[in-house]
């Protein structure tokens, strides 16, 4: 039987009550992976010495959304309107990202994941878009996450534009931070109408794409977002085959 690629999805942490707490990721992530033919696995934050086991287990990785990234990692003091941070997750995901890039693992970075990717490569963030960036767009929409709120213009002939077979896509928006200074090795391939960076990709032949919106929640109604997940899972499957041949 053909082996489906295993996709590791990083997770947040939620405490509901004194006796109910643990890792969390929105169900749209694993549903989108399953629909694209992958096997989703939720990854808790772990110490650095455990990360190599994740790398061996998973064929591709999703850096998921969630908390703000602590500005100490890009040399800034906290903004007054910065949201909550989770030190254990920051440390884990920044180390994981560095190793994913080194090992050339297919990676899809979503919302916070895009920001983590940028910071891991030496970039910086707008800590609070509403107060730091002049914009007419509501980047933290107040209606359902499956619905689009603004347009993103993609760079023609970029990997992402080729995947989506479009130079413009309608996206949802659920963030209050965004890329400011771009990290080393990244190319900007998508902007919102207010010129915020909405999509990046790495140079080379490895699938490393980051988007500021939440494509996982748009998969049920968007051909373009389905193409994105299908392309990512396919890249993970090919990487898995290459590893098997080298074993």
C-alpha atoms as a PDB file:
ATOM      1  CA  UNK A   1       0.000   0.000   0.000  1.00  0.00           C
ATOM      2  CA  UNK A   2       1.256   3.463  -0.910  1.00  0.00           C
ATOM      3  CA  UNK A   3       2.474   5.338   2.147  1.00  0.00           C
ATOM      4  CA  UNK A   4       0.797   8.695   2.757  1.00  0.00           C
ATOM      5  CA  UNK A   5       3.150  11.463   3.918  1.00  0.00           C
ATOM      6  CA  UNK A   6       3.081  12.318   7.615  1.00  0.00           C
ATOM      7  CA  UNK A   7       2.577  16.020   8.290  1.00  0.00           C
ATOM      8  CA  UNK A   8       3.609  17.417  11.671  1.00  0.00           C
ATOM      9  CA  UNK A   9       1.582  20.424  12.854  1.00  0.00           C
ATOM     10  CA  UNK A  10       2.976  22.619  15.620  1.00  0.00           C
ATOM     11  CA  UNK A  11       0.582  23.444  18.432  1.00  0.00           C
ATOM     12  CA  UNK A  12      -0.416  26.126  20.862  1.00  0.00           C
ATOM     13  CA  UNK A  13      -1.257  25.607  24.547  1.00  0.00           C
ATOM     14  CA  UNK A  14      -4.662  26.130  26.124  1.00  0.00           C
ATOM     15  CA  UNK A  15      -5.752  26.022  29.748  1.00  0.00           C
ATOM     16  CA  UNK A  16      -9.520  25.696  30.121  1.00  0.00           C
ATOM     17  CA  UNK A  17      -9.689  24.897  33.831  1.00  0.00           C
ATOM     18  CA  UNK A  18      -7.369  23.803  36.624  1.00  0.00           C
ATOM     19  CA  UNK A  19      -7.730  20.195  35.497  1.00  0.00           C
ATOM     20  CA  UNK A  20      -8.167  20.659  31.760  1.00  0.00           C
ATOM     21  CA  UNK A  21      -5.184  21.999  29.834  1.00  0.00           C
ATOM     22  CA  UNK A  22      -2.906  20.963  27.018  1.00  0.00           C
ATOM     23  CA  UNK A  23      -1.848  21.316  23.401  1.00  0.00           C
ATOM     24  CA  UNK A  24      -4.271  22.849  20.912  1.00  0.00           C
ATOM     25  CA  UNK A  25      -4.536  23.399  17.186  1.00  0.00           C
ATOM     26  CA  UNK A  26      -7.635  24.426  15.230  1.00  0.00           C
ATOM     27  CA  UNK A  27      -9.283  21.407  13.603  1.00  0.00           C
ATOM     28  CA  UNK A  28      -9.138  23.043  10.155  1.00  0.00           C
ATOM     29  CA  UNK A  29      -5.407  22.249   9.987  1.00  0.00           C
ATOM     30  CA  UNK A  30      -5.707  18.487  10.240  1.00  0.00           C
ATOM     31  CA  UNK A  31      -8.854  18.446   8.101  1.00  0.00           C
ATOM     32  CA  UNK A  32      -7.020  20.285   5.301  1.00  0.00           C
ATOM     33  CA  UNK A  33      -4.071  17.873   5.526  1.00  0.00           C
ATOM     34  CA  UNK A  34      -6.368  14.834   5.393  1.00  0.00           C
ATOM     35  CA  UNK A  35      -8.250  16.235   2.407  1.00  0.00           C
ATOM     36  CA  UNK A  36      -4.925  16.699   0.584  1.00  0.00           C
ATOM     37  CA  UNK A  37      -3.901  13.092   1.239  1.00  0.00           C
ATOM     38  CA  UNK A  38      -1.570  13.523   4.206  1.00  0.00           C
ATOM     39  CA  UNK A  39      -1.616  12.027   7.706  1.00  0.00           C
ATOM     40  CA  UNK A  40      -1.686  14.842  10.312  1.00  0.00           C
ATOM     41  CA  UNK A  41       0.127  14.598  13.639  1.00  0.00           C
ATOM     42  CA  UNK A  42      -0.062  17.330  16.291  1.00  0.00           C
ATOM     43  CA  UNK A  43       3.355  18.241  17.702  1.00  0.00           C
ATOM     44  CA  UNK A  44       3.677  19.522  21.275  1.00  0.00           C
ATOM     45  CA  UNK A  45       6.553  21.864  22.081  1.00  0.00           C
ATOM     46  CA  UNK A  46       9.491  19.743  23.228  1.00  0.00           C
ATOM     47  CA  UNK A  47      13.132  20.240  24.347  1.00  0.00           C
ATOM     48  CA  UNK A  48      15.752  20.617  21.591  1.00  0.00           C
ATOM     49  CA  UNK A  49      17.091  17.071  22.014  1.00  0.00           C
ATOM     50  CA  UNK A  50      13.679  15.658  21.023  1.00  0.00           C
ATOM     51  CA  UNK A  51      13.298  17.643  17.788  1.00  0.00           C
ATOM     52  CA  UNK A  52      15.413  15.215  15.680  1.00  0.00           C
ATOM     53  CA  UNK A  53      12.809  12.520  16.385  1.00  0.00           C
ATOM     54  CA  UNK A  54      10.121  14.803  14.929  1.00  0.00           C
ATOM     55  CA  UNK A  55      12.315  15.315  11.867  1.00  0.00           C
ATOM     56  CA  UNK A  56      12.653  11.560  11.381  1.00  0.00           C
ATOM     57  CA  UNK A  57       8.936  10.945  11.922  1.00  0.00           C
ATOM     58  CA  UNK A  58       7.439  13.646   9.702  1.00  0.00           C
ATOM     59  CA  UNK A  59       7.749  14.164   5.954  1.00  0.00           C
ATOM     60  CA  UNK A  60       6.508  17.763   6.039  1.00  0.00           C
ATOM     61  CA  UNK A  61       5.723  20.396   8.646  1.00  0.00           C
ATOM     62  CA  UNK A  62       3.103  23.074   9.206  1.00  0.00           C
ATOM     63  CA  UNK A  63       4.132  25.955  11.458  1.00  0.00           C
ATOM     64  CA  UNK A  64       0.696  26.896  12.740  1.00  0.00           C
ATOM     65  CA  UNK A  65      -0.916  30.071  14.053  1.00  0.00           C
ATOM     66  CA  UNK A  66      -1.241  31.218  17.650  1.00  0.00           C
ATOM     67  CA  UNK A  67       0.501  33.500  20.116  1.00  0.00           C
ATOM     68  CA  UNK A  68       2.767  36.442  19.370  1.00  0.00           C
ATOM     69  CA  UNK A  69       6.488  35.856  18.977  1.00  0.00           C
ATOM     70  CA  UNK A  70       8.476  37.387  21.826  1.00  0.00           C
ATOM     71  CA  UNK A  71      10.293  40.451  20.390  1.00  0.00           C
ATOM     72  CA  UNK A  72      13.415  39.551  22.352  1.00  0.00           C
ATOM     73  CA  UNK A  73      14.160  37.147  19.485  1.00  0.00           C
ATOM     74  CA  UNK A  74      14.474  40.018  17.027  1.00  0.00           C
ATOM     75  CA  UNK A  75      16.071  42.569  19.327  1.00  0.00           C
ATOM     76  CA  UNK A  76      13.096  44.743  20.271  1.00  0.00           C
ATOM     77  CA  UNK A  77      11.343  45.697  23.482  1.00  0.00           C
ATOM     78  CA  UNK A  78       7.696  44.645  23.851  1.00  0.00           C
ATOM     79  CA  UNK A  79       5.137  47.003  22.339  1.00  0.00           C
ATOM     80  CA  UNK A  80       2.370  48.175  24.685  1.00  0.00           C
ATOM     81  CA  UNK A  81      -0.225  46.309  22.609  1.00  0.00           C
ATOM     82  CA  UNK A  82       1.720  43.117  22.078  1.00  0.00           C
ATOM     83  CA  UNK A  83      -0.357  40.008  22.788  1.00  0.00           C
ATOM     84  CA  UNK A  84       0.447  36.991  24.929  1.00  0.00           C
ATOM     85  CA  UNK A  85       3.662  35.026  24.324  1.00  0.00           C
ATOM     86  CA  UNK A  86       4.587  31.438  25.149  1.00  0.00           C
ATOM     87  CA  UNK A  87       8.319  31.121  25.782  1.00  0.00           C
ATOM     88  CA  UNK A  88       8.445  27.329  25.496  1.00  0.00           C
ATOM     89  CA  UNK A  89       6.753  27.441  22.087  1.00  0.00           C
ATOM     90  CA  UNK A  90       8.995  30.237  20.792  1.00  0.00           C
ATOM     91  CA  UNK A  91      12.150  28.373  21.753  1.00  0.00           C
ATOM     92  CA  UNK A  92      10.909  25.106  20.276  1.00  0.00           C
ATOM     93  CA  UNK A  93       9.615  26.509  16.992  1.00  0.00           C
ATOM     94  CA  UNK A  94      12.635  28.695  16.287  1.00  0.00           C
ATOM     95  CA  UNK A  95      14.943  25.703  16.813  1.00  0.00           C
ATOM     96  CA  UNK A  96      12.629  23.459  14.785  1.00  0.00           C
ATOM     97  CA  UNK A  97      12.500  25.982  11.927  1.00  0.00           C
ATOM     98  CA  UNK A  98      16.277  26.244  11.770  1.00  0.00           C
ATOM     99  CA  UNK A  99      16.548  22.468  11.486  1.00  0.00           C
ATOM    100  CA  UNK A 100      13.731  22.210   8.928  1.00  0.00           C
ATOM    101  CA  UNK A 101      15.581  24.622   6.680  1.00  0.00           C
ATOM    102  CA  UNK A 102      18.886  22.820   7.222  1.00  0.00           C
ATOM    103  CA  UNK A 103      17.332  19.418   6.488  1.00  0.00           C
ATOM    104  CA  UNK A 104      15.308  20.840   3.556  1.00  0.00           C
ATOM    105  CA  UNK A 105      11.986  19.558   4.869  1.00  0.00           C
ATOM    106  CA  UNK A 106       8.848  20.764   3.038  1.00  0.00           C
ATOM    107  CA  UNK A 107       7.351  23.493   5.231  1.00  0.00           C
ATOM    108  CA  UNK A 108       4.102  25.460   5.123  1.00  0.00           C
ATOM    109  CA  UNK A 109       4.207  28.407   7.542  1.00  0.00           C
ATOM    110  CA  UNK A 110       0.797  29.892   8.403  1.00  0.00           C
ATOM    111  CA  UNK A 111       0.081  33.214  10.193  1.00  0.00           C
ATOM    112  CA  UNK A 112       2.289  33.035  13.324  1.00  0.00           C
ATOM    113  CA  UNK A 113       4.236  30.364  11.435  1.00  0.00           C
ATOM    114  CA  UNK A 114       5.128  32.909   8.748  1.00  0.00           C
ATOM    115  CA  UNK A 115       6.337  35.253  11.480  1.00  0.00           C
ATOM    116  CA  UNK A 116       8.387  32.505  13.164  1.00  0.00           C
ATOM    117  CA  UNK A 117       9.992  31.658   9.812  1.00  0.00           C
ATOM    118  CA  UNK A 118      10.889  35.306   9.287  1.00  0.00           C
ATOM    119  CA  UNK A 119      12.339  35.749  12.781  1.00  0.00           C
ATOM    120  CA  UNK A 120      14.324  32.487  12.498  1.00  0.00           C
ATOM    121  CA  UNK A 121      16.016  34.006   9.437  1.00  0.00           C
ATOM    122  CA  UNK A 122      16.890  37.283  11.161  1.00  0.00           C
ATOM    123  CA  UNK A 123      13.813  39.318  10.233  1.00  0.00           C
ATOM    124  CA  UNK A 124      11.623  41.539  12.413  1.00  0.00           C
ATOM    125  CA  UNK A 125       7.887  42.016  12.953  1.00  0.00           C
ATOM    126  CA  UNK A 126       5.323  44.745  13.322  1.00  0.00           C
ATOM    127  CA  UNK A 127       4.209  43.926  16.861  1.00  0.00           C
ATOM    128  CA  UNK A 128       0.787  45.562  16.534  1.00  0.00           C
ATOM    129  CA  UNK A 129      -0.387  46.262  12.995  1.00  0.00           C
ATOM    130  CA  UNK A 130      -3.380  48.476  13.958  1.00  0.00           C
ATOM    131  CA  UNK A 131      -1.181  50.987  15.813  1.00  0.00           C
ATOM    132  CA  UNK A 132       2.040  50.681  13.783  1.00  0.00           C
ATOM    133  CA  UNK A 133       0.804  50.441  10.195  1.00  0.00           C
ATOM    134  CA  UNK A 134      -1.529  52.848   8.433  1.00  0.00           C
ATOM    135  CA  UNK A 135      -4.221  50.654   6.888  1.00  0.00           C
ATOM    136  CA  UNK A 136      -7.887  50.667   5.940  1.00  0.00           C
ATOM    137  CA  UNK A 137      -8.021  46.855   6.176  1.00  0.00           C
ATOM    138  CA  UNK A 138      -9.323  45.017   9.232  1.00  0.00           C
ATOM    139  CA  UNK A 139      -6.595  42.395   9.519  1.00  0.00           C
ATOM    140  CA  UNK A 140      -8.254  40.702  12.491  1.00  0.00           C
ATOM    141  CA  UNK A 141     -11.656  39.993  11.005  1.00  0.00           C
ATOM    142  CA  UNK A 142     -14.676  39.660  13.287  1.00  0.00           C
ATOM    143  CA  UNK A 143     -16.670  37.171  11.198  1.00  0.00           C
ATOM    144  CA  UNK A 144     -16.101  33.494  10.418  1.00  0.00           C
ATOM    145  CA  UNK A 145     -12.574  32.490   9.510  1.00  0.00           C
ATOM    146  CA  UNK A 146     -13.704  30.591   6.411  1.00  0.00           C
ATOM    147  CA  UNK A 147     -14.723  33.868   4.733  1.00  0.00           C
ATOM    148  CA  UNK A 148     -12.370  36.191   2.864  1.00  0.00           C
ATOM    149  CA  UNK A 149     -11.918  39.861   3.790  1.00  0.00           C
ATOM    150  CA  UNK A 150      -9.308  41.256   1.384  1.00  0.00           C
ATOM    151  CA  UNK A 151      -7.301  40.515  -1.722  1.00  0.00           C
ATOM    152  CA  UNK A 152      -3.656  39.492  -1.989  1.00  0.00           C
ATOM    153  CA  UNK A 153      -1.619  40.217  -5.095  1.00  0.00           C
ATOM    154  CA  UNK A 154       0.897  37.459  -5.850  1.00  0.00           C
ATOM    155  CA  UNK A 155       4.160  37.902  -7.703  1.00  0.00           C
ATOM    156  CA  UNK A 156       3.734  36.555 -11.234  1.00  0.00           C
ATOM    157  CA  UNK A 157       5.754  33.384 -11.914  1.00  0.00           C
ATOM    158  CA  UNK A 158       6.483  32.880  -8.219  1.00  0.00           C
ATOM    159  CA  UNK A 159       6.149  29.341  -6.902  1.00  0.00           C
ATOM    160  CA  UNK A 160       3.012  30.336  -4.979  1.00  0.00           C
ATOM    161  CA  UNK A 161       1.364  31.982  -8.007  1.00  0.00           C
ATOM    162  CA  UNK A 162       2.101  28.887 -10.087  1.00  0.00           C
ATOM    163  CA  UNK A 163       0.599  26.626  -7.406  1.00  0.00           C
ATOM    164  CA  UNK A 164      -2.557  28.701  -7.105  1.00  0.00           C
ATOM    165  CA  UNK A 165      -2.729  29.362 -10.855  1.00  0.00           C
ATOM    166  CA  UNK A 166      -3.573  32.986 -10.077  1.00  0.00           C
ATOM    167  CA  UNK A 167      -1.938  36.364  -9.536  1.00  0.00           C
ATOM    168  CA  UNK A 168      -4.663  37.536  -7.146  1.00  0.00           C
ATOM    169  CA  UNK A 169      -6.439  35.602  -4.397  1.00  0.00           C
ATOM    170  CA  UNK A 170      -9.075  36.496  -1.825  1.00  0.00           C
ATOM    171  CA  UNK A 171      -8.027  35.620   1.716  1.00  0.00           C
ATOM    172  CA  UNK A 172      -9.216  35.696   5.301  1.00  0.00           C
ATOM    173  CA  UNK A 173      -7.285  37.641   7.948  1.00  0.00           C
ATOM    174  CA  UNK A 174      -6.790  36.795  11.641  1.00  0.00           C
ATOM    175  CA  UNK A 175      -3.600  38.506  12.781  1.00  0.00           C
ATOM    176  CA  UNK A 176      -2.356  41.646  14.499  1.00  0.00           C
ATOM    177  CA  UNK A 177       1.350  41.130  13.789  1.00  0.00           C
ATOM    178  CA  UNK A 178       3.096  40.998  10.418  1.00  0.00           C
ATOM    179  CA  UNK A 179       6.529  40.970   8.764  1.00  0.00           C
ATOM    180  CA  UNK A 180       8.455  44.246   8.930  1.00  0.00           C
ATOM    181  CA  UNK A 181      12.096  43.616   7.901  1.00  0.00           C
ATOM    182  CA  UNK A 182      12.390  40.496   5.741  1.00  0.00           C
ATOM    183  CA  UNK A 183      14.493  37.546   6.883  1.00  0.00           C
ATOM    184  CA  UNK A 184      17.557  36.408   4.927  1.00  0.00           C
ATOM    185  CA  UNK A 185      16.831  34.032   2.056  1.00  0.00           C
ATOM    186  CA  UNK A 186      13.128  34.848   1.807  1.00  0.00           C
ATOM    187  CA  UNK A 187      11.441  36.428  -1.204  1.00  0.00           C
ATOM    188  CA  UNK A 188       8.227  38.416  -0.855  1.00  0.00           C
ATOM    189  CA  UNK A 189       5.619  36.936  -3.205  1.00  0.00           C
ATOM    190  CA  UNK A 190       2.372  38.418  -1.884  1.00  0.00           C
ATOM    191  CA  UNK A 191       1.072  41.803  -0.666  1.00  0.00           C
ATOM    192  CA  UNK A 192      -2.258  43.043   0.653  1.00  0.00           C
ATOM    193  CA  UNK A 193      -3.639  46.328  -0.777  1.00  0.00           C
ATOM    194  CA  UNK A 194      -2.084  48.232   2.161  1.00  0.00           C
ATOM    195  CA  UNK A 195       1.353  46.827   1.192  1.00  0.00           C
ATOM    196  CA  UNK A 196       1.740  44.457   4.145  1.00  0.00           C
ATOM    197  CA  UNK A 197       3.715  41.323   3.331  1.00  0.00           C
ATOM    198  CA  UNK A 198       1.235  38.458   3.005  1.00  0.00           C
ATOM    199  CA  UNK A 199       3.328  35.673   1.461  1.00  0.00           C
ATOM    200  CA  UNK A 200       6.969  34.617   1.208  1.00  0.00           C
ATOM    201  CA  UNK A 201       8.918  31.707  -0.186  1.00  0.00           C
ATOM    202  CA  UNK A 202      12.474  30.406  -0.029  1.00  0.00           C
ATOM    203  CA  UNK A 203      14.733  30.399  -3.031  1.00  0.00           C
ATOM    204  CA  UNK A 204      15.622  26.968  -4.365  1.00  0.00           C
ATOM    205  CA  UNK A 205      13.764  23.750  -5.088  1.00  0.00           C
ATOM    206  CA  UNK A 206      12.523  22.944  -1.554  1.00  0.00           C
ATOM    207  CA  UNK A 207       8.902  23.713  -0.672  1.00  0.00           C
ATOM    208  CA  UNK A 208       9.120  26.477   1.963  1.00  0.00           C
ATOM    209  CA  UNK A 209       6.156  28.850   1.696  1.00  0.00           C
ATOM    210  CA  UNK A 210       4.712  31.175   4.304  1.00  0.00           C
ATOM    211  CA  UNK A 211       1.334  32.924   4.186  1.00  0.00           C
ATOM    212  CA  UNK A 212      -0.138  35.449   6.593  1.00  0.00           C
ATOM    213  CA  UNK A 213      -3.725  34.295   6.137  1.00  0.00           C
ATOM    214  CA  UNK A 214      -5.312  30.967   7.190  1.00  0.00           C
ATOM    215  CA  UNK A 215      -5.654  28.797   4.069  1.00  0.00           C
ATOM    216  CA  UNK A 216      -6.635  25.743   6.130  1.00  0.00           C
ATOM    217  CA  UNK A 217      -9.956  27.402   7.004  1.00  0.00           C
ATOM    218  CA  UNK A 218     -10.709  28.303   3.383  1.00  0.00           C
ATOM    219  CA  UNK A 219     -10.081  24.839   1.907  1.00  0.00           C
ATOM    220  CA  UNK A 220     -13.784  23.819   1.821  1.00  0.00           C
ATOM    221  CA  UNK A 221     -14.691  26.726  -0.477  1.00  0.00           C
ATOM    222  CA  UNK A 222     -11.488  27.751  -2.259  1.00  0.00           C
ATOM    223  CA  UNK A 223      -9.866  26.024  -5.218  1.00  0.00           C
ATOM    224  CA  UNK A 224      -6.653  28.024  -4.686  1.00  0.00           C
ATOM    225  CA  UNK A 225      -6.271  26.957  -1.037  1.00  0.00           C
ATOM    226  CA  UNK A 226      -6.912  23.334  -1.983  1.00  0.00           C
ATOM    227  CA  UNK A 227      -4.110  23.618  -4.525  1.00  0.00           C
ATOM    228  CA  UNK A 228      -1.784  25.010  -1.875  1.00  0.00           C
ATOM    229  CA  UNK A 229      -2.344  22.097   0.516  1.00  0.00           C
ATOM    230  CA  UNK A 230      -2.249  19.514  -2.272  1.00  0.00           C
ATOM    231  CA  UNK A 231       1.063  20.919  -3.530  1.00  0.00           C
ATOM    232  CA  UNK A 232       2.523  20.940  -0.010  1.00  0.00           C
ATOM    233  CA  UNK A 233       1.464  17.353   0.755  1.00  0.00           C
ATOM    234  CA  UNK A 234       2.765  16.256  -2.647  1.00  0.00           C
ATOM    235  CA  UNK A 235       6.142  17.868  -1.888  1.00  0.00           C
ATOM    236  CA  UNK A 236       6.231  16.006   1.443  1.00  0.00           C
ATOM    237  CA  UNK A 237       5.406  12.737  -0.338  1.00  0.00           C
ATOM    238  CA  UNK A 238       8.243  13.213  -2.837  1.00  0.00           C
ATOM    239  CA  UNK A 239      10.640  14.039  -0.013  1.00  0.00           C
ATOM    240  CA  UNK A 240       9.571  10.833   1.727  1.00  0.00           C
ATOM    241  CA  UNK A 241      10.276   8.791  -1.428  1.00  0.00           C
ATOM    242  CA  UNK A 242      13.719  10.392  -1.761  1.00  0.00           C
ATOM    243  CA  UNK A 243      14.520   9.475   1.850  1.00  0.00           C
ATOM    244  CA  UNK A 244      13.378   5.887   1.292  1.00  0.00           C
ATOM    245  CA  UNK A 245      15.619   5.572  -1.792  1.00  0.00           C
ATOM    246  CA  UNK A 246      18.563   6.866   0.234  1.00  0.00           C
ATOM    247  CA  UNK A 247      17.997   4.443   3.108  1.00  0.00           C
END
